[in-house]
Amino acid sequence: MAHRYILAVDYEKCTGCHLCELACSIKHYGVVNPYLSRITIITKPEIQASTPVFCLQCNDALCARACPANAIYFDEKAGAWLIDYNKCIGCRECVYACPFGAISLTVKAEPIKCDLCGGDPECVKVCPHGAIFYGPEYEVVRKLKKGKSVGIVYEVLEKGVEVPAGNRVKEAEEAVKTLYRIWEERKKLNI
C-alpha cells in the first residue's frame, strides 16, 4: 500500500525569512518574485510570528469541486491537486472555495497553487531552520507530535521564558545570507 506524502510546517521554527517563497518562484518561473510563489508567508511582527500558507492537498478538495471546467485534478504520481491550464477558464472559483487561502492569482489572473514540485518540494530544501518538511503522512504527523511534546516540556521547564527578539533577527539575517549564496550558485550554473 502506497503512503500519502504531505508537506507540513513546524510553525515555531519559521522565522519569516521568505526563502521558501523565493525558491518557489525561481523553481516555477525562473524569477525571484514572491507574488509568483505557491507558498506565502504571513507575518505578524507585533507577536513575532510567521505562518507559511500553502495548499494542504485536501482529501476532498473544495477547489476541485468548485471548478466548473474540471481543470483541477488529482495527480497520483505527484500526490497533488494540479491545475490543467488548458481547461482553466479563469473564473477564480477555486480561489474563493479554498478555506485556507492557498490559491493565489498571477498578474494574468491565472490561479496558482502548490504542486509539491512533482514530489520534491523546493521550499523544504531551502528552509534554513527545518520548519518545512515533506514525507509520508504517518512520519510527518509523528514528527509534528514529537516536536509539540518537546516544546511543551521546554515551556514547562523554562516557565514561560520567551526567545529574545534579537534571536529572530539573527536567524532571519542568516536566512538572507543563505538566499544570497543560493542565488550566486544559481548564477554560476546559468540556470
C-alpha atoms as a PDB file:
ATOM      1  CA  MET A   1       0.000   0.000   0.000  1.00  0.00           C
ATOM      2  CA  ALA A   2       1.407   3.389  -1.021  1.00  0.00           C
ATOM      3  CA  HIS A   3       1.684   6.034   1.658  1.00  0.00           C
ATOM      4  CA  ARG A   4       0.393   9.535   1.087  1.00  0.00           C
ATOM      5  CA  TYR A   5       3.137  12.186   1.172  1.00  0.00           C
ATOM      6  CA  ILE A   6       2.405  15.577   2.705  1.00  0.00           C
ATOM      7  CA  LEU A   7       4.040  18.956   3.202  1.00  0.00           C
ATOM      8  CA  ALA A   8       3.921  20.328   6.743  1.00  0.00           C
ATOM      9  CA  VAL A   9       5.272  23.170   8.841  1.00  0.00           C
ATOM     10  CA  ASP A  10       6.605  23.447  12.355  1.00  0.00           C
ATOM     11  CA  TYR A  11       5.341  26.989  12.938  1.00  0.00           C
ATOM     12  CA  GLU A  12       7.581  27.526  15.945  1.00  0.00           C
ATOM     13  CA  LYS A  13      10.668  27.164  13.719  1.00  0.00           C
ATOM     14  CA  CYS A  14       9.536  29.558  10.965  1.00  0.00           C
ATOM     15  CA  THR A  15      11.386  32.882  11.173  1.00  0.00           C
ATOM     16  CA  GLY A  16       9.567  34.513   8.275  1.00  0.00           C
ATOM     17  CA  CYS A  17      12.707  34.715   6.107  1.00  0.00           C
ATOM     18  CA  HIS A  18      10.677  34.169   2.891  1.00  0.00           C
ATOM     19  CA  LEU A  19      13.332  31.887   1.348  1.00  0.00           C
ATOM     20  CA  CYS A  20      10.626  29.336   0.590  1.00  0.00           C
ATOM     21  CA  GLU A  21       8.677  31.933  -1.415  1.00  0.00           C
ATOM     22  CA  LEU A  22      11.724  32.959  -3.404  1.00  0.00           C
ATOM     23  CA  ALA A  23      12.824  29.381  -4.098  1.00  0.00           C
ATOM     24  CA  CYS A  24       9.294  28.530  -5.249  1.00  0.00           C
ATOM     25  CA  SER A  25       9.108  31.425  -7.697  1.00  0.00           C
ATOM     26  CA  ILE A  26      12.560  30.554  -9.054  1.00  0.00           C
ATOM     27  CA  LYS A  27      11.592  26.887  -9.463  1.00  0.00           C
ATOM     28  CA  HIS A  28       8.317  27.589 -11.289  1.00  0.00           C
ATOM     29  CA  TYR A  29       9.007  30.841 -13.142  1.00  0.00           C
ATOM     30  CA  GLY A  30      12.789  31.333 -13.103  1.00  0.00           C
ATOM     31  CA  VAL A  31      12.493  34.706 -11.341  1.00  0.00           C
ATOM     32  CA  VAL A  32      12.743  35.952  -7.770  1.00  0.00           C
ATOM     33  CA  ASN A  33       9.202  37.180  -7.195  1.00  0.00           C
ATOM     34  CA  PRO A  34       7.230  36.280  -4.059  1.00  0.00           C
ATOM     35  CA  TYR A  35       3.972  37.122  -5.875  1.00  0.00           C
ATOM     36  CA  LEU A  36       4.597  34.131  -8.124  1.00  0.00           C
ATOM     37  CA  SER A  37       5.216  31.803  -5.207  1.00  0.00           C
ATOM     38  CA  ARG A  38       2.853  28.967  -4.396  1.00  0.00           C
ATOM     39  CA  ILE A  39       3.658  29.326  -0.714  1.00  0.00           C
ATOM     40  CA  THR A  40       3.001  32.591   1.117  1.00  0.00           C
ATOM     41  CA  ILE A  41       4.431  33.756   4.428  1.00  0.00           C
ATOM     42  CA  ILE A  42       2.073  35.751   6.599  1.00  0.00           C
ATOM     43  CA  THR A  43       3.973  37.640   9.288  1.00  0.00           C
ATOM     44  CA  LYS A  44       2.610  39.239  12.436  1.00  0.00           C
ATOM     45  CA  PRO A  45       5.502  41.463  13.605  1.00  0.00           C
ATOM     46  CA  GLU A  46       3.719  42.547  16.762  1.00  0.00           C
ATOM     47  CA  ILE A  47       3.873  38.990  18.092  1.00  0.00           C
ATOM     48  CA  GLN A  48       6.998  37.911  16.167  1.00  0.00           C
ATOM     49  CA  ALA A  49       5.219  35.065  14.406  1.00  0.00           C
ATOM     50  CA  SER A  50       5.238  33.905  10.802  1.00  0.00           C
ATOM     51  CA  THR A  51       2.955  31.388   9.170  1.00  0.00           C
ATOM     52  CA  PRO A  52       3.567  29.730   5.807  1.00  0.00           C
ATOM     53  CA  VAL A  53       0.343  29.220   3.844  1.00  0.00           C
ATOM     54  CA  PHE A  54       0.294  26.558   1.119  1.00  0.00           C
ATOM     55  CA  CYS A  55      -2.060  24.014  -0.427  1.00  0.00           C
ATOM     56  CA  LEU A  56      -2.737  21.209   2.022  1.00  0.00           C
ATOM     57  CA  GLN A  57      -3.666  18.795  -0.794  1.00  0.00           C
ATOM     58  CA  CYS A  58      -7.023  18.060   0.869  1.00  0.00           C
ATOM     59  CA  ASN A  59      -8.535  14.605   0.562  1.00  0.00           C
ATOM     60  CA  ASP A  60     -11.784  16.188  -0.632  1.00  0.00           C
ATOM     61  CA  ALA A  61     -10.508  19.342  -2.336  1.00  0.00           C
ATOM     62  CA  LEU A  62     -13.098  22.102  -2.344  1.00  0.00           C
ATOM     63  CA  CYS A  63     -11.172  23.898  -5.103  1.00  0.00           C
ATOM     64  CA  ALA A  64     -11.636  20.910  -7.413  1.00  0.00           C
ATOM     65  CA  ARG A  65     -15.316  20.605  -6.538  1.00  0.00           C
ATOM     66  CA  ALA A  66     -15.867  24.327  -7.195  1.00  0.00           C
ATOM     67  CA  CYS A  67     -14.158  24.328 -10.602  1.00  0.00           C
ATOM     68  CA  PRO A  68     -16.865  24.438 -13.309  1.00  0.00           C
ATOM     69  CA  ALA A  69     -14.345  23.412 -16.002  1.00  0.00           C
ATOM     70  CA  ASN A  70     -12.940  20.405 -14.098  1.00  0.00           C
ATOM     71  CA  ALA A  71      -9.490  21.944 -14.520  1.00  0.00           C
ATOM     72  CA  ILE A  72      -8.276  20.814 -11.080  1.00  0.00           C
ATOM     73  CA  TYR A  73      -7.461  17.133 -10.861  1.00  0.00           C
ATOM     74  CA  PHE A  74      -5.516  14.821  -8.542  1.00  0.00           C
ATOM     75  CA  ASP A  75      -2.249  13.553  -9.981  1.00  0.00           C
ATOM     76  CA  GLU A  76      -1.316  10.252  -8.336  1.00  0.00           C
ATOM     77  CA  LYS A  77       2.351  10.491  -9.336  1.00  0.00           C
ATOM     78  CA  ALA A  78       2.842  13.985  -7.849  1.00  0.00           C
ATOM     79  CA  GLY A  79       0.456  13.276  -4.979  1.00  0.00           C
ATOM     80  CA  ALA A  80      -1.041  16.706  -5.531  1.00  0.00           C
ATOM     81  CA  TRP A  81      -4.049  18.528  -6.894  1.00  0.00           C
ATOM     82  CA  LEU A  82      -2.887  20.169 -10.128  1.00  0.00           C
ATOM     83  CA  ILE A  83      -4.397  22.759 -12.446  1.00  0.00           C
ATOM     84  CA  ASP A  84      -4.838  21.971 -16.127  1.00  0.00           C
ATOM     85  CA  TYR A  85      -4.372  25.438 -17.635  1.00  0.00           C
ATOM     86  CA  ASN A  86      -5.742  24.232 -20.975  1.00  0.00           C
ATOM     87  CA  LYS A  87      -9.097  23.709 -19.249  1.00  0.00           C
ATOM     88  CA  CYS A  88      -8.972  26.615 -16.771  1.00  0.00           C
ATOM     89  CA  ILE A  89     -11.378  29.420 -17.707  1.00  0.00           C
ATOM     90  CA  GLY A  90     -10.032  31.889 -15.122  1.00  0.00           C
ATOM     91  CA  CYS A  91     -13.278  32.163 -13.166  1.00  0.00           C
ATOM     92  CA  ARG A  92     -11.473  32.225  -9.775  1.00  0.00           C
ATOM     93  CA  GLU A  93     -13.990  29.864  -8.141  1.00  0.00           C
ATOM     94  CA  CYS A  94     -11.086  27.752  -6.823  1.00  0.00           C
ATOM     95  CA  VAL A  95      -9.601  30.813  -5.102  1.00  0.00           C
ATOM     96  CA  TYR A  96     -12.900  31.567  -3.363  1.00  0.00           C
ATOM     97  CA  ALA A  97     -13.502  27.904  -2.456  1.00  0.00           C
ATOM     98  CA  CYS A  98     -10.173  27.261  -0.702  1.00  0.00           C
ATOM     99  CA  PRO A  99     -10.791  27.683   3.041  1.00  0.00           C
ATOM    100  CA  PHE A 100      -7.065  28.203   3.676  1.00  0.00           C
ATOM    101  CA  GLY A 101      -6.375  30.940   1.122  1.00  0.00           C
ATOM    102  CA  ALA A 102      -3.763  28.714  -0.506  1.00  0.00           C
ATOM    103  CA  ILE A 103      -4.611  29.546  -4.126  1.00  0.00           C
ATOM    104  CA  SER A 104      -3.421  32.883  -5.452  1.00  0.00           C
ATOM    105  CA  LEU A 105      -3.536  34.593  -8.830  1.00  0.00           C
ATOM    106  CA  THR A 106      -0.798  35.698 -11.196  1.00  0.00           C
ATOM    107  CA  VAL A 107      -0.949  39.144 -12.805  1.00  0.00           C
ATOM    108  CA  LYS A 108      -2.642  37.389 -15.732  1.00  0.00           C
ATOM    109  CA  ALA A 109      -5.335  36.190 -13.292  1.00  0.00           C
ATOM    110  CA  GLU A 110      -4.241  32.549 -13.579  1.00  0.00           C
ATOM    111  CA  PRO A 111      -4.701  30.565 -10.371  1.00  0.00           C
ATOM    112  CA  ILE A 112      -1.539  29.076  -8.853  1.00  0.00           C
ATOM    113  CA  LYS A 113      -1.273  26.556  -6.044  1.00  0.00           C
ATOM    114  CA  CYS A 114       1.337  24.235  -4.606  1.00  0.00           C
ATOM    115  CA  ASP A 115       2.048  21.247  -6.824  1.00  0.00           C
ATOM    116  CA  LEU A 116       4.616  19.773  -4.399  1.00  0.00           C
ATOM    117  CA  CYS A 117       7.212  20.349  -7.140  1.00  0.00           C
ATOM    118  CA  GLY A 118       6.296  16.951  -8.534  1.00  0.00           C
ATOM    119  CA  GLY A 119       7.181  15.235  -5.256  1.00  0.00           C
ATOM    120  CA  ASP A 120      10.415  17.109  -4.459  1.00  0.00           C
ATOM    121  CA  PRO A 121       9.366  20.420  -2.832  1.00  0.00           C
ATOM    122  CA  GLU A 122      11.922  23.194  -3.294  1.00  0.00           C
ATOM    123  CA  CYS A 123      10.757  25.033  -0.157  1.00  0.00           C
ATOM    124  CA  VAL A 124      11.837  22.105   2.019  1.00  0.00           C
ATOM    125  CA  LYS A 125      15.355  22.196   0.535  1.00  0.00           C
ATOM    126  CA  VAL A 126      15.937  25.900   1.225  1.00  0.00           C
ATOM    127  CA  CYS A 127      14.341  26.315   4.653  1.00  0.00           C
ATOM    128  CA  PRO A 128      17.359  27.088   6.855  1.00  0.00           C
ATOM    129  CA  HIS A 129      15.594  26.131  10.078  1.00  0.00           C
ATOM    130  CA  GLY A 130      13.865  22.921   9.015  1.00  0.00           C
ATOM    131  CA  ALA A 131      10.452  24.486   9.550  1.00  0.00           C
ATOM    132  CA  ILE A 132       9.048  22.962   6.347  1.00  0.00           C
ATOM    133  CA  PHE A 133       9.237  19.241   5.808  1.00  0.00           C
ATOM    134  CA  TYR A 134       7.831  16.633   3.427  1.00  0.00           C
ATOM    135  CA  GLY A 135       7.373  12.909   3.723  1.00  0.00           C
ATOM    136  CA  PRO A 136       4.954  10.056   4.299  1.00  0.00           C
ATOM    137  CA  GLU A 137       1.935  11.303   6.233  1.00  0.00           C
ATOM    138  CA  TYR A 138       2.476   8.971   9.185  1.00  0.00           C
ATOM    139  CA  GLU A 139       6.106  10.140   9.604  1.00  0.00           C
ATOM    140  CA  VAL A 140       5.241  13.832   9.269  1.00  0.00           C
ATOM    141  CA  VAL A 141       2.420  13.559  11.805  1.00  0.00           C
ATOM    142  CA  ARG A 142       4.738  11.722  14.208  1.00  0.00           C
ATOM    143  CA  LYS A 143       7.393  14.434  13.764  1.00  0.00           C
ATOM    144  CA  LEU A 144       4.844  17.190  14.439  1.00  0.00           C
ATOM    145  CA  LYS A 145       3.564  15.421  17.564  1.00  0.00           C
ATOM    146  CA  LYS A 146       7.107  14.822  18.816  1.00  0.00           C
ATOM    147  CA  GLY A 147       8.038  18.469  18.243  1.00  0.00           C
ATOM    148  CA  LYS A 148       4.934  19.658  20.051  1.00  0.00           C
ATOM    149  CA  SER A 149       5.695  17.371  23.006  1.00  0.00           C
ATOM    150  CA  VAL A 150       9.277  18.635  23.219  1.00  0.00           C
ATOM    151  CA  GLY A 151       8.019  22.225  23.047  1.00  0.00           C
ATOM    152  CA  ILE A 152       5.615  21.636  25.917  1.00  0.00           C
ATOM    153  CA  VAL A 153       8.375  20.089  28.039  1.00  0.00           C
ATOM    154  CA  TYR A 154      10.707  23.060  27.409  1.00  0.00           C
ATOM    155  CA  GLU A 155       7.913  25.517  28.146  1.00  0.00           C
ATOM    156  CA  VAL A 156       7.261  23.838  31.482  1.00  0.00           C
ATOM    157  CA  LEU A 157      10.971  23.745  32.321  1.00  0.00           C
ATOM    158  CA  GLU A 158      11.586  27.351  31.283  1.00  0.00           C
ATOM    159  CA  LYS A 159       8.448  28.675  32.992  1.00  0.00           C
ATOM    160  CA  GLY A 160       7.411  30.776  30.029  1.00  0.00           C
ATOM    161  CA  VAL A 161      10.782  32.338  29.190  1.00  0.00           C
ATOM    162  CA  GLU A 162      10.403  33.828  25.698  1.00  0.00           C
ATOM    163  CA  VAL A 163      13.001  33.763  22.916  1.00  0.00           C
ATOM    164  CA  PRO A 164      14.569  37.241  22.697  1.00  0.00           C
ATOM    165  CA  ALA A 165      13.650  39.263  19.592  1.00  0.00           C
ATOM    166  CA  GLY A 166      17.346  39.562  18.711  1.00  0.00           C
ATOM    167  CA  ASN A 167      17.471  35.804  18.147  1.00  0.00           C
ATOM    168  CA  ARG A 168      14.747  36.021  15.496  1.00  0.00           C
ATOM    169  CA  VAL A 169      16.551  38.882  13.759  1.00  0.00           C
ATOM    170  CA  LYS A 170      19.821  36.928  13.752  1.00  0.00           C
ATOM    171  CA  GLU A 171      18.051  33.870  12.315  1.00  0.00           C
ATOM    172  CA  ALA A 172      16.464  35.985   9.574  1.00  0.00           C
ATOM    173  CA  GLU A 173      19.836  37.561   8.727  1.00  0.00           C
ATOM    174  CA  GLU A 174      21.357  34.086   8.398  1.00  0.00           C
ATOM    175  CA  ALA A 175      18.477  33.063   6.125  1.00  0.00           C
ATOM    176  CA  VAL A 176      19.092  36.066   3.859  1.00  0.00           C
ATOM    177  CA  LYS A 177      22.783  35.140   3.641  1.00  0.00           C
ATOM    178  CA  THR A 178      21.712  31.636   2.603  1.00  0.00           C
ATOM    179  CA  LEU A 179      19.482  33.106  -0.104  1.00  0.00           C
ATOM    180  CA  TYR A 180      22.350  35.199  -1.491  1.00  0.00           C
ATOM    181  CA  ARG A 181      24.594  32.107  -1.534  1.00  0.00           C
ATOM    182  CA  ILE A 182      21.936  30.091  -3.392  1.00  0.00           C
ATOM    183  CA  TRP A 183      21.402  32.942  -5.853  1.00  0.00           C
ATOM    184  CA  GLU A 184      25.132  33.261  -6.543  1.00  0.00           C
ATOM    185  CA  GLU A 185      25.461  29.493  -7.076  1.00  0.00           C
ATOM    186  CA  ARG A 186      22.481  29.591  -9.441  1.00  0.00           C
ATOM    187  CA  LYS A 187      24.087  32.386 -11.491  1.00  0.00           C
ATOM    188  CA  LYS A 188      27.274  30.321 -11.840  1.00  0.00           C
ATOM    189  CA  LEU A 189      25.241  27.430 -13.265  1.00  0.00           C
ATOM    190  CA  ASN A 190      23.453  29.720 -15.787  1.00  0.00           C
ATOM    191  CA  ILE A 191      20.046  28.329 -14.837  1.00  0.00           C
END
